[in-house]
Amino acid sequence: MIYPRDLLFILACLCSMCAHAQTKVAVTIDDVPNTYKFRKDQFVPKHLNALDSLNIPITIFINEGRIYKTDSVSLNFRLLDEWCQRDYVTPANHTFAHSRYSEVGLDSFIVDIEQGAIITKELAKKYGKTLDQFRFPYNDLGKDSSQHKAIQQYLDNNNYYSTPFTVESSDWMYNFVYRYYLENNQVDSAKFVANNYIEQTLNLFKFYDSLAVETYDRKVDHIYLCHDNEINADYLSVLTDSLSLRGYQFSSLIDVLEDPIYSQKDVYYKKWGISWFYRWMPDADLRKKWMLSEPELNFIYKAYQRLNQ
């Protein structure tokens, strides 16, 4: 027999469990394979080897054109094959040449999409995987509503899903500064940059969680966008460990996309690659308010500008 006080205790426990339910995160990696880093590392796939130890699902967005960026084409083919054969990896299309849609226009961009799937389709078939996710380079979905509509029609007709993201922390910029310090034997400075990358990424997750709670009355499942680069090869495990300690659970992209949040319409019709949280906001003033409230990345912006002159 369950007494009222016991029932109250059970309900309290259930409420507590709900309150502390883990938020899911899908990790997505753009610009795979990094053939420049592969050659620099004496053809050892250090990033892929690091991911092997994480035991989490990863979706990779492939630029097939990168295979031909160095003179080690056959080894680069083998590298992409290694990425795709991993059980935890789902391959996806990121175009061949990483062109910017708003600049090249519809016809050229479609060619870039189709050319970027030739090898990946075969590898997906070889390893019993699907190829139905697509991410725009620079997250540039077009310069206006007409471009947005035209490319979306193409993607729908060709069974591609335009893959969103919720969190992105300019890891490409951090990577530039991080590599600079490593190449100049400034190890302490490189570590400082890497630690700042982790700290600011965690701050962004916290920020977007607060945005979600205020906007949707709950936390939502996240899609994290990062790149195939040196700082992630060395520190992505630190980031995932830190997120796990904060209650996040790593899931596949397909699993995360089941959150109803992703069924919303994108109402942002400009070329800038902003978080989908902002793309779902019909109120431009509200969007601007939240964007101005984001944790600042001034440190890395200034360092990048100084070193990239």
Protein backbone atom coordinates (compact mmCIF):
# COMPACT_ATOMS: atom_id res chain seq x y z
CA MET A 1 0.00 0.00 0.00
CA ILE A 2 1.33 3.46 -0.92
CA TYR A 3 0.66 6.13 1.72
CA PRO A 4 0.12 9.79 0.75
CA ARG A 5 3.49 10.84 2.12
CA ASP A 6 5.16 8.08 0.08
CA LEU A 7 3.35 9.27 -3.02
CA LEU A 8 4.54 12.82 -2.38
CA PHE A 9 8.10 11.52 -2.08
CA ILE A 10 7.82 9.61 -5.36
CA LEU A 11 6.42 12.66 -7.13
CA ALA A 12 9.22 14.79 -5.73
CA CYS A 13 11.78 12.33 -7.00
CA LEU A 14 10.18 12.28 -10.44
CA CYS A 15 10.15 16.07 -10.54
CA SER A 16 13.78 16.15 -9.53
CA MET A 17 14.67 13.65 -12.25
CA CYS A 18 12.87 15.76 -14.84
CA ALA A 19 14.58 18.91 -13.62
CA HIS A 20 17.98 17.29 -14.00
CA ALA A 21 17.26 15.43 -17.23
CA GLN A 22 20.27 15.51 -19.51
CA THR A 23 20.29 17.76 -22.54
CA LYS A 24 21.44 15.96 -25.66
CA VAL A 25 24.24 17.26 -27.86
CA ALA A 26 25.13 16.15 -31.37
CA VAL A 27 28.72 16.90 -32.38
CA THR A 28 29.14 17.81 -36.05
CA ILE A 29 32.52 18.39 -37.69
CA ASP A 30 32.84 20.46 -40.86
CA ASP A 31 35.56 20.53 -43.55
CA VAL A 32 36.57 16.88 -43.39
CA PRO A 33 39.18 15.70 -44.33
CA ASN A 34 41.87 18.16 -43.28
CA THR A 35 44.50 16.96 -45.71
CA TYR A 36 46.95 19.75 -44.88
CA LYS A 37 47.07 18.64 -41.24
CA PHE A 38 47.24 15.00 -42.39
CA ARG A 39 50.41 15.71 -44.40
CA LYS A 40 51.88 17.80 -41.57
CA ASP A 41 51.28 14.91 -39.15
CA GLN A 42 53.23 12.52 -41.38
CA PHE A 43 49.97 10.94 -42.61
CA VAL A 44 48.81 9.96 -39.15
CA PRO A 45 45.08 10.79 -38.71
CA LYS A 46 45.52 12.35 -35.28
CA HIS A 47 42.07 13.93 -35.08
CA LEU A 48 40.34 10.71 -36.08
CA ASN A 49 42.48 8.72 -33.64
CA ALA A 50 41.51 11.12 -30.86
CA LEU A 51 37.83 10.72 -31.70
CA ASP A 52 38.16 6.94 -31.49
CA SER A 53 38.66 7.26 -27.74
CA LEU A 54 35.59 9.45 -27.16
CA ASN A 55 32.98 6.82 -27.98
CA ILE A 56 30.36 9.36 -29.06
CA PRO A 57 28.40 9.72 -32.34
CA ILE A 58 29.86 12.19 -34.83
CA THR A 59 28.47 13.54 -38.10
CA ILE A 60 31.14 14.77 -40.52
CA PHE A 61 30.49 17.25 -43.31
CA ILE A 62 32.80 16.42 -46.18
CA ASN A 63 34.45 18.68 -48.74
CA GLU A 64 35.65 16.17 -51.32
CA GLY A 65 37.76 18.84 -52.99
CA ARG A 66 40.14 18.73 -50.03
CA ILE A 67 41.31 15.32 -51.21
CA TYR A 68 43.06 17.05 -54.10
CA LYS A 69 44.57 19.93 -52.11
CA THR A 70 47.88 18.16 -51.52
CA ASP A 71 50.01 15.91 -53.71
CA SER A 72 49.12 12.81 -51.65
CA VAL A 73 45.80 12.08 -53.31
CA SER A 74 45.79 8.32 -52.80
CA LEU A 75 46.61 8.71 -49.10
CA ASN A 76 43.91 11.36 -48.80
CA PHE A 77 41.37 8.98 -50.33
CA ARG A 78 42.38 6.42 -47.74
CA LEU A 79 41.96 9.01 -44.99
CA LEU A 80 38.40 9.79 -46.04
CA ASP A 81 37.69 6.07 -46.21
CA GLU A 82 38.96 5.71 -42.65
CA TRP A 83 36.63 8.47 -41.48
CA CYS A 84 33.62 6.88 -43.14
CA GLN A 85 34.30 3.34 -41.99
CA ARG A 86 34.13 4.26 -38.30
CA ASP A 87 30.89 2.97 -36.78
CA TYR A 88 30.36 6.18 -34.82
CA VAL A 89 30.74 8.41 -37.90
CA THR A 90 27.89 9.49 -40.18
CA PRO A 91 29.05 11.07 -43.47
CA ALA A 92 27.31 14.16 -44.85
CA ASN A 93 27.71 16.57 -47.77
CA HIS A 94 29.42 19.96 -47.40
CA THR A 95 29.95 20.55 -51.16
CA PHE A 96 33.08 19.87 -53.19
CA ALA A 97 34.77 23.26 -53.13
CA HIS A 98 33.19 24.97 -50.10
CA SER A 99 31.69 27.72 -52.22
CA ARG A 100 29.53 30.49 -50.83
CA TYR A 101 25.98 30.09 -52.16
CA SER A 102 25.03 33.78 -52.04
CA GLU A 103 27.99 34.59 -54.29
CA VAL A 104 28.08 31.75 -56.85
CA GLY A 105 24.31 31.44 -57.37
CA LEU A 106 21.97 28.49 -57.71
CA ASP A 107 23.29 26.64 -60.78
CA SER A 108 26.96 26.70 -59.74
CA PHE A 109 26.09 25.79 -56.19
CA ILE A 110 24.06 22.77 -57.28
CA VAL A 111 27.07 21.58 -59.30
CA ASP A 112 29.20 21.97 -56.18
CA ILE A 113 26.74 19.92 -54.11
CA GLU A 114 26.54 17.12 -56.66
CA GLN A 115 30.28 17.00 -57.24
CA GLY A 116 30.77 16.85 -53.49
CA ALA A 117 28.73 13.66 -53.17
CA ILE A 118 30.39 11.44 -55.80
CA ILE A 119 32.91 9.73 -53.54
CA THR A 120 30.92 10.08 -50.33
CA LYS A 121 27.92 8.27 -51.81
CA GLU A 122 30.11 5.30 -52.65
CA LEU A 123 31.68 5.26 -49.21
CA ALA A 124 28.28 5.55 -47.53
CA LYS A 125 27.01 2.63 -49.58
CA LYS A 126 30.19 0.64 -48.84
CA TYR A 127 29.66 0.97 -45.09
CA GLY A 128 25.87 0.71 -45.04
CA LYS A 129 25.26 4.35 -44.21
CA THR A 130 23.00 7.05 -45.57
CA LEU A 131 23.91 10.36 -47.19
CA ASP A 132 20.99 12.66 -46.53
CA GLN A 133 22.43 15.51 -44.45
CA PHE A 134 23.77 18.68 -46.06
CA ARG A 135 25.36 21.76 -44.52
CA PHE A 136 25.94 25.00 -46.36
CA PRO A 137 29.53 26.28 -46.35
CA TYR A 138 29.72 29.35 -44.09
CA ASN A 139 26.09 28.49 -43.23
CA ASP A 140 25.23 30.83 -46.07
CA LEU A 141 21.71 29.84 -47.13
CA GLY A 142 21.41 32.66 -49.65
CA LYS A 143 21.31 36.44 -49.84
CA ASP A 144 17.52 36.75 -49.91
CA SER A 145 14.27 34.80 -49.64
CA SER A 146 14.33 33.87 -53.35
CA GLN A 147 17.71 32.20 -53.04
CA HIS A 148 16.64 30.47 -49.84
CA LYS A 149 13.51 29.09 -51.47
CA ALA A 150 15.26 27.95 -54.66
CA ILE A 151 17.98 25.92 -52.96
CA GLN A 152 15.56 24.48 -50.41
CA GLN A 153 13.45 23.17 -53.28
CA TYR A 154 16.52 21.48 -54.75
CA LEU A 155 17.44 19.92 -51.41
CA ASP A 156 13.89 18.65 -50.88
CA ASN A 157 13.80 17.15 -54.38
CA ASN A 158 17.09 15.35 -53.76
CA ASN A 159 16.30 14.06 -50.27
CA TYR A 160 18.77 16.29 -48.47
CA TYR A 161 18.09 17.78 -45.06
CA SER A 162 19.63 21.21 -44.46
CA THR A 163 21.49 20.60 -41.22
CA PRO A 164 21.22 23.36 -38.62
CA PHE A 165 23.34 24.13 -35.59
CA THR A 166 22.61 25.80 -32.28
CA VAL A 167 26.09 26.36 -30.86
CA GLU A 168 29.27 27.41 -32.67
CA SER A 169 32.25 29.11 -31.02
CA SER A 170 34.53 30.29 -33.85
CA ASP A 171 36.85 27.33 -33.38
CA TRP A 172 38.38 28.05 -36.80
CA MET A 173 39.62 31.39 -35.43
CA TYR A 174 40.88 29.82 -32.23
CA ASN A 175 42.65 27.22 -34.35
CA PHE A 176 44.48 29.85 -36.41
CA VAL A 177 45.88 31.52 -33.27
CA TYR A 178 46.55 28.17 -31.57
CA ARG A 179 48.57 26.91 -34.54
CA TYR A 180 50.50 30.16 -34.75
CA TYR A 181 51.69 29.83 -31.17
CA LEU A 182 52.55 26.16 -31.54
CA GLU A 183 54.54 26.80 -34.72
CA ASN A 184 56.45 29.56 -32.94
CA ASN A 185 57.17 27.41 -29.89
CA GLN A 186 54.98 29.53 -27.62
CA VAL A 187 53.44 26.55 -25.87
CA ASP A 188 52.06 28.42 -22.87
CA SER A 189 50.27 30.90 -25.14
CA ALA A 190 48.84 28.02 -27.17
CA LYS A 191 47.52 26.39 -24.00
CA PHE A 192 45.95 29.67 -22.91
CA VAL A 193 44.15 29.94 -26.27
CA ALA A 194 42.93 26.35 -26.02
CA ASN A 195 41.65 26.84 -22.48
CA ASN A 196 39.87 30.02 -23.55
CA TYR A 197 38.26 28.06 -26.39
CA ILE A 198 36.89 25.52 -23.91
CA GLU A 199 35.75 28.20 -21.46
CA GLN A 200 33.98 30.32 -24.07
CA THR A 201 32.31 27.32 -25.70
CA LEU A 202 30.92 26.27 -22.33
CA ASN A 203 29.73 29.84 -21.80
CA LEU A 204 27.91 29.71 -25.12
CA PHE A 205 26.17 26.46 -24.22
CA LYS A 206 25.02 28.08 -20.97
CA PHE A 207 23.87 31.19 -22.85
CA TYR A 208 21.84 29.25 -25.42
CA ASP A 209 20.32 27.13 -22.67
CA SER A 210 19.08 30.32 -21.02
CA LEU A 211 17.77 31.58 -24.36
CA ALA A 212 15.91 28.30 -24.87
CA VAL A 213 14.37 28.37 -21.41
CA GLU A 214 13.19 31.94 -21.84
CA THR A 215 11.90 31.34 -25.36
CA TYR A 216 10.53 27.78 -25.14
CA ASP A 217 10.19 27.26 -21.37
CA ARG A 218 12.66 24.38 -21.48
CA LYS A 219 16.16 23.39 -22.48
CA VAL A 220 16.48 21.96 -25.97
CA ASP A 221 18.83 19.46 -27.56
CA HIS A 222 21.86 21.06 -29.17
CA ILE A 223 23.84 20.64 -32.38
CA TYR A 224 27.44 21.76 -31.95
CA LEU A 225 29.37 22.86 -35.03
CA CYS A 226 33.15 22.63 -35.09
CA HIS A 227 35.85 21.82 -37.64
CA ASP A 228 38.47 19.24 -38.53
CA ASN A 229 41.47 21.13 -37.20
CA GLU A 230 44.36 21.02 -34.78
CA ILE A 231 42.75 22.57 -31.73
CA ASN A 232 39.91 20.05 -31.84
CA ALA A 233 42.30 17.16 -32.40
CA ASP A 234 44.02 18.21 -29.17
CA TYR A 235 41.13 19.56 -27.09
CA LEU A 236 37.74 18.28 -28.26
CA SER A 237 37.98 15.53 -25.64
CA VAL A 238 38.44 18.21 -22.96
CA LEU A 239 35.32 19.98 -24.22
CA THR A 240 33.20 16.82 -24.31
CA ASP A 241 34.37 15.81 -20.82
CA SER A 242 33.49 19.28 -19.55
CA LEU A 243 30.05 19.13 -21.12
CA SER A 244 29.44 15.67 -19.68
CA LEU A 245 30.28 16.96 -16.20
CA ARG A 246 27.65 19.65 -16.74
CA GLY A 247 24.96 17.09 -17.50
CA TYR A 248 24.99 16.98 -21.30
CA GLN A 249 24.60 13.65 -23.06
CA PHE A 250 26.07 12.99 -26.51
CA SER A 251 23.69 11.59 -29.11
CA SER A 252 23.50 11.16 -32.84
CA LEU A 253 22.44 14.01 -35.08
CA ILE A 254 19.32 12.12 -36.12
CA ASP A 255 18.36 11.59 -32.49
CA VAL A 256 18.82 15.27 -31.63
CA LEU A 257 16.82 16.36 -34.68
CA GLU A 258 13.82 14.62 -33.16
CA ASP A 259 13.51 17.52 -30.73
CA PRO A 260 10.43 19.45 -31.98
CA ILE A 261 12.51 22.62 -31.87
CA TYR A 262 13.98 21.65 -35.25
CA SER A 263 10.61 21.51 -36.97
CA GLN A 264 10.36 25.30 -36.86
CA LYS A 265 10.57 27.43 -39.97
CA ASP A 266 13.74 29.38 -40.73
CA VAL A 267 12.59 33.00 -41.12
CA TYR A 268 16.00 34.63 -41.50
CA TYR A 269 16.69 35.41 -45.16
CA LYS A 270 20.20 36.81 -45.13
CA LYS A 271 23.56 35.20 -45.90
CA TRP A 272 25.13 35.33 -42.43
CA GLY A 273 25.77 32.03 -40.66
CA ILE A 274 23.99 32.66 -37.38
CA SER A 275 22.66 30.09 -34.90
CA TRP A 276 19.29 28.59 -35.76
CA PHE A 277 17.98 29.95 -32.49
CA TYR A 278 18.12 33.33 -34.19
CA ARG A 279 16.82 32.03 -37.51
CA TRP A 280 13.66 30.88 -35.76
CA MET A 281 12.96 34.35 -34.30
CA PRO A 282 10.46 36.29 -36.44
CA ASP A 283 11.06 39.44 -34.39
CA ALA A 284 14.21 41.13 -35.72
CA ASP A 285 14.52 43.36 -32.65
CA LEU A 286 14.36 40.37 -30.32
CA ARG A 287 16.95 38.60 -32.45
CA LYS A 288 19.27 41.59 -32.23
CA LYS A 289 18.78 41.81 -28.47
CA TRP A 290 19.83 38.23 -27.93
CA MET A 291 22.74 38.42 -30.35
CA LEU A 292 24.11 41.45 -28.52
CA SER A 293 23.80 39.52 -25.25
CA GLU A 294 26.04 36.64 -26.36
CA PRO A 295 29.25 35.98 -24.44
CA GLU A 296 31.93 38.06 -26.12
CA LEU A 297 34.80 36.52 -28.06
CA ASN A 298 36.82 39.74 -28.17
CA PHE A 299 40.02 38.06 -27.03
CA ILE A 300 40.21 35.67 -29.95
CA TYR A 301 38.91 38.20 -32.49
CA LYS A 302 41.67 40.63 -31.58
CA ALA A 303 44.36 37.94 -31.52
CA TYR A 304 43.23 36.61 -34.89
CA GLN A 305 43.19 40.07 -36.47
CA ARG A 306 46.63 40.89 -35.08
CA LEU A 307 48.23 37.66 -36.32
CA ASN A 308 46.40 37.50 -39.65
CA GLN A 309 47.58 40.87 -40.96
